């Protein structure tokens, strides 16, 4: 059984490059509305997530909605372990696979085949698992002989194909998706979407951040409405989406 449990999880992010008295004064003025403050070392700190309580279990398919900057992507990164909470706790059981930046860990000077292993290891795959799936990943990417060339020789579309093929070959208990993840050119999109839906169906818990309410309605049984780093509402998909749309 997989689960996610957050208890009063709060995340403060320091901003080290705020310089100049006038700029700092303006940031502090905005802080009265936007949870920006100054710590005892004089460093500007943004409260990205504030006192999040959340519990998800097997079968949960959860959409994250809210305007840009509401905290959706930050929450996914907290759940992925990229960020540690400043206060509070985050508990996870099950293999977590974050598809937030599918090109992360790829080396420009290594070949496509070498990058299959590099990206696979970063996603938590074992050497044996990578070897078993390497041919399938290569076939799905449709890169052929280019897999023996350095990635620096690839077009942007070819890089996305390779990264996507590796990332979606992983078996996940908990799947974290951000809609900013590209799927390549138009000819690859239909094939990529089918693969993504298959990965989605095999995971026990799925969280995805999207602005497409129609897609959320079709894929999710619950929705989290994020606002200013907090959970404004969490519940049945239609109830939360309707409340969110009424607030706009």
Protein backbone atom coordinates (compact mmCIF):
# COMPACT_ATOMS: atom_id res chain seq x y z
CA UNK A 1 0.00 0.00 0.00
CA UNK A 2 1.32 3.43 -0.97
CA UNK A 3 0.48 6.67 0.78
CA UNK A 4 1.47 10.32 1.17
CA UNK A 5 1.02 12.18 4.44
CA UNK A 6 1.86 15.82 5.13
CA UNK A 7 1.45 17.34 8.55
CA UNK A 8 1.79 21.13 8.87
CA UNK A 9 4.41 21.08 6.11
CA UNK A 10 5.85 24.54 5.58
CA UNK A 11 8.54 25.54 3.09
CA UNK A 12 10.54 28.77 3.24
CA UNK A 13 12.80 29.60 0.29
CA UNK A 14 15.64 32.11 0.79
CA UNK A 15 16.26 34.70 -1.94
CA UNK A 16 19.95 35.58 -1.84
CA UNK A 17 20.24 38.01 -4.76
CA UNK A 18 17.92 40.81 -3.60
CA UNK A 19 20.21 43.84 -3.52
CA UNK A 20 19.78 47.52 -2.90
CA UNK A 21 17.81 49.28 -0.21
CA UNK A 22 15.01 50.49 -2.46
CA UNK A 23 14.41 47.02 -3.94
CA UNK A 24 14.57 45.37 -0.53
CA UNK A 25 12.12 47.95 0.84
CA UNK A 26 9.70 47.24 -2.01
CA UNK A 27 9.97 43.47 -1.45
CA UNK A 28 9.28 43.93 2.25
CA UNK A 29 6.27 46.12 1.46
CA UNK A 30 4.85 43.41 -0.80
CA UNK A 31 5.51 40.90 1.94
CA UNK A 32 2.53 42.12 3.89
CA UNK A 33 0.42 40.44 1.19
CA UNK A 34 2.71 37.80 -0.31
CA UNK A 35 4.33 36.03 2.63
CA UNK A 36 7.76 37.60 2.03
CA UNK A 37 9.82 38.40 5.10
CA UNK A 38 13.37 38.98 6.27
CA UNK A 39 15.18 36.55 8.57
CA UNK A 40 17.60 37.50 11.33
CA UNK A 41 20.53 37.38 8.87
CA UNK A 42 18.90 39.97 6.63
CA UNK A 43 18.08 37.45 3.87
CA UNK A 44 14.75 37.76 2.09
CA UNK A 45 12.66 34.61 2.63
CA UNK A 46 9.55 33.60 0.68
CA UNK A 47 7.04 31.28 2.34
CA UNK A 48 6.32 29.05 -0.64
CA UNK A 49 4.10 26.55 1.22
CA UNK A 50 2.32 27.24 4.47
CA UNK A 51 1.08 24.61 6.94
CA UNK A 52 0.00 21.97 4.44
CA UNK A 53 -2.02 19.04 5.80
CA UNK A 54 -2.69 16.31 3.24
CA UNK A 55 -3.25 12.56 3.12
CA UNK A 56 -3.43 10.50 -0.09
CA UNK A 57 -3.86 6.73 -0.45
CA UNK A 58 -4.05 4.05 -3.16
CA UNK A 59 -6.46 4.92 -5.93
CA UNK A 60 -6.19 8.69 -5.54
CA UNK A 61 -5.87 10.56 -8.83
CA UNK A 62 -5.41 14.17 -7.80
CA UNK A 63 -5.34 17.29 -9.93
CA UNK A 64 -3.62 20.45 -8.70
CA UNK A 65 -5.27 23.70 -9.78
CA UNK A 66 -4.69 27.36 -9.04
CA UNK A 67 -3.18 30.40 -10.71
CA UNK A 68 0.51 30.66 -11.61
CA UNK A 69 2.57 31.02 -8.44
CA UNK A 70 -0.05 29.39 -6.21
CA UNK A 71 2.37 26.65 -5.15
CA UNK A 72 1.41 23.70 -7.37
CA UNK A 73 4.87 22.92 -8.76
CA UNK A 74 6.48 23.66 -5.40
CA UNK A 75 4.20 21.13 -3.70
CA UNK A 76 5.16 18.50 -6.30
CA UNK A 77 8.85 19.20 -5.63
CA UNK A 78 8.30 18.87 -1.90
CA UNK A 79 6.58 15.51 -2.43
CA UNK A 80 9.40 14.40 -4.73
CA UNK A 81 11.99 15.13 -2.05
CA UNK A 82 13.65 17.90 -4.08
CA UNK A 83 12.78 20.27 -1.23
CA UNK A 84 12.73 19.35 2.44
CA UNK A 85 10.09 21.04 4.61
CA UNK A 86 11.33 23.90 6.77
CA UNK A 87 8.90 22.75 9.46
CA UNK A 88 6.36 19.96 9.63
CA UNK A 89 6.66 16.47 8.16
CA UNK A 90 6.34 14.68 4.83
CA UNK A 91 5.87 10.91 4.83
CA UNK A 92 5.78 8.74 1.71
CA UNK A 93 5.48 5.01 1.19
CA UNK A 94 6.08 3.63 -2.28
CA UNK A 95 8.39 4.43 -5.18
CA UNK A 96 8.01 8.08 -6.11
CA UNK A 97 8.68 9.05 -9.74
CA UNK A 98 8.65 12.80 -10.46
CA UNK A 99 8.17 13.75 -14.12
CA UNK A 100 8.82 17.43 -13.53
CA UNK A 101 11.89 18.02 -15.70
CA UNK A 102 12.32 15.07 -18.03
CA UNK A 103 15.70 16.25 -19.34
CA UNK A 104 17.27 16.49 -15.88
CA UNK A 105 20.48 14.44 -15.64
CA UNK A 106 21.12 14.09 -19.37
CA UNK A 107 24.71 14.64 -20.49
CA UNK A 108 25.34 16.52 -23.73
CA UNK A 109 28.61 14.71 -24.43
CA UNK A 110 27.30 11.17 -23.85
CA UNK A 111 25.48 9.11 -26.46
CA UNK A 112 21.77 8.51 -26.44
CA UNK A 113 22.29 4.96 -25.17
CA UNK A 114 24.55 6.19 -22.37
CA UNK A 115 21.92 8.77 -21.44
CA UNK A 116 19.28 6.05 -21.19
CA UNK A 117 21.34 4.61 -18.35
CA UNK A 118 22.13 8.00 -16.75
CA UNK A 119 18.53 9.17 -16.74
CA UNK A 120 17.29 5.73 -15.68
CA UNK A 121 19.61 5.66 -12.67
CA UNK A 122 18.48 9.17 -11.68
CA UNK A 123 14.87 7.95 -11.74
CA UNK A 124 15.73 5.06 -9.40
CA UNK A 125 15.95 2.24 -11.92
CA UNK A 126 18.43 -0.58 -11.27
CA UNK A 127 21.10 -1.58 -13.80
CA UNK A 128 19.18 -4.77 -14.49
CA UNK A 129 15.93 -2.87 -15.04
CA UNK A 130 17.65 -0.46 -17.43
CA UNK A 131 19.16 -3.34 -19.41
CA UNK A 132 15.79 -5.08 -19.65
CA UNK A 133 14.05 -1.92 -20.87
CA UNK A 134 16.78 -0.40 -23.02
CA UNK A 135 15.60 -1.92 -26.33
CA UNK A 136 11.99 -0.90 -25.67
CA UNK A 137 13.08 2.65 -24.78
CA UNK A 138 15.20 2.86 -27.92
CA UNK A 139 12.34 1.65 -30.11
CA UNK A 140 9.84 4.06 -28.59
CA UNK A 141 12.19 7.03 -29.07
CA UNK A 142 12.36 6.36 -32.84
CA UNK A 143 15.93 7.70 -32.88
CA UNK A 144 17.54 4.69 -34.57
CA UNK A 145 21.26 5.12 -35.25
CA UNK A 146 21.23 8.55 -33.59
CA UNK A 147 21.28 6.72 -30.25
CA UNK A 148 24.98 6.06 -30.86
CA UNK A 149 25.73 9.77 -31.31
CA UNK A 150 26.31 12.36 -28.55
CA UNK A 151 23.16 14.15 -27.42
CA UNK A 152 24.73 17.48 -28.37
CA UNK A 153 24.13 16.45 -32.02
CA UNK A 154 20.37 16.09 -31.43
CA UNK A 155 17.67 18.58 -32.28
CA UNK A 156 15.49 19.79 -29.40
CA UNK A 157 12.70 17.46 -30.51
CA UNK A 158 15.03 14.44 -30.54
CA UNK A 159 16.23 15.24 -27.01
CA UNK A 160 12.65 15.41 -25.75
CA UNK A 161 11.83 12.08 -27.42
CA UNK A 162 14.74 10.35 -25.70
CA UNK A 163 14.07 11.95 -22.31
CA UNK A 164 10.36 11.15 -22.49
CA UNK A 165 10.98 7.54 -23.55
CA UNK A 166 13.27 6.93 -20.56
CA UNK A 167 11.15 8.82 -18.01
CA UNK A 168 7.94 6.97 -18.87
CA UNK A 169 9.59 3.54 -18.80
CA UNK A 170 9.78 3.67 -15.01
CA UNK A 171 7.29 1.74 -12.86
CA UNK A 172 5.94 4.16 -10.26
CA UNK A 173 3.87 3.68 -7.13
CA UNK A 174 3.47 7.45 -6.76
CA UNK A 175 3.56 9.49 -9.97
CA UNK A 176 4.08 13.27 -9.92
CA UNK A 177 3.40 15.15 -13.15
CA UNK A 178 3.78 18.80 -14.11
CA UNK A 179 2.03 20.00 -17.24
CA UNK A 180 5.08 21.96 -18.34
CA UNK A 181 6.58 18.61 -19.38
CA UNK A 182 6.75 18.67 -23.18
CA UNK A 183 6.11 15.60 -25.33
CA UNK A 184 7.94 16.59 -28.52
CA UNK A 185 6.65 17.40 -31.99
CA UNK A 186 3.10 16.87 -33.24
CA UNK A 187 3.82 13.50 -34.88
CA UNK A 188 5.07 12.12 -31.54
CA UNK A 189 2.33 13.63 -29.38
CA UNK A 190 -0.40 11.01 -29.83
CA UNK A 191 2.00 8.14 -29.16
CA UNK A 192 3.44 9.96 -26.13
CA UNK A 193 0.00 10.67 -24.65
CA UNK A 194 -0.99 6.99 -24.93
CA UNK A 195 2.20 6.00 -23.10
CA UNK A 196 1.60 8.61 -20.44
CA UNK A 197 -1.94 7.35 -19.84
CA UNK A 198 -0.57 3.81 -19.47
CA UNK A 199 1.96 4.98 -16.88
CA UNK A 200 -0.82 6.90 -15.13
CA UNK A 201 -3.03 3.80 -14.94
CA UNK A 202 -0.26 1.63 -13.47
CA UNK A 203 0.61 4.00 -10.62
CA UNK A 204 -1.19 3.68 -7.29
CA UNK A 205 -1.26 7.43 -6.56
CA UNK A 206 -1.07 10.20 -9.16
CA UNK A 207 -0.73 13.97 -8.67
CA UNK A 208 -0.71 16.26 -11.68
CA UNK A 209 -0.56 20.04 -11.98
CA UNK A 210 -2.63 21.34 -14.90
CA UNK A 211 -4.57 24.34 -16.14
CA UNK A 212 -6.75 22.12 -18.37
CA UNK A 213 -9.91 21.52 -16.34
CA UNK A 214 -11.35 19.16 -18.96
CA UNK A 215 -8.29 16.91 -18.67
CA UNK A 216 -8.49 17.00 -14.88
CA UNK A 217 -12.16 16.03 -14.99
CA UNK A 218 -11.34 13.03 -17.18
CA UNK A 219 -8.27 11.85 -15.26
CA UNK A 220 -8.78 12.77 -11.60
CA UNK A 221 -11.18 11.73 -8.83
CA UNK A 222 -9.99 14.49 -6.48
CA UNK A 223 -8.68 18.03 -6.82
CA UNK A 224 -6.50 20.28 -4.67
CA UNK A 225 -7.02 24.01 -5.14
CA UNK A 226 -3.80 25.83 -4.23
CA UNK A 227 -3.76 29.52 -3.34
CA UNK A 228 -0.77 31.50 -2.04
CA UNK A 229 1.03 28.40 -0.85
CA UNK A 230 -1.94 26.93 1.01
CA UNK A 231 -4.67 24.42 0.22
CA UNK A 232 -7.82 26.45 -0.37
CA UNK A 233 -9.95 23.34 -1.00
CA UNK A 234 -9.51 19.57 -1.37
CA UNK A 235 -12.24 17.19 -2.39
CA UNK A 236 -14.26 15.68 -5.22
CA UNK A 237 -13.19 16.87 -8.66
CA UNK A 238 -16.35 18.61 -9.78
CA UNK A 239 -16.98 20.28 -6.42
CA UNK A 240 -13.54 21.86 -6.22
CA UNK A 241 -13.32 22.86 -9.88
CA UNK A 242 -16.75 24.49 -9.70
CA UNK A 243 -15.76 26.45 -6.58
CA UNK A 244 -12.50 27.52 -8.21
CA UNK A 245 -14.21 28.69 -11.40
CA UNK A 246 -16.82 30.59 -9.39
CA UNK A 247 -14.03 32.50 -7.64
CA UNK A 248 -12.43 33.74 -10.86
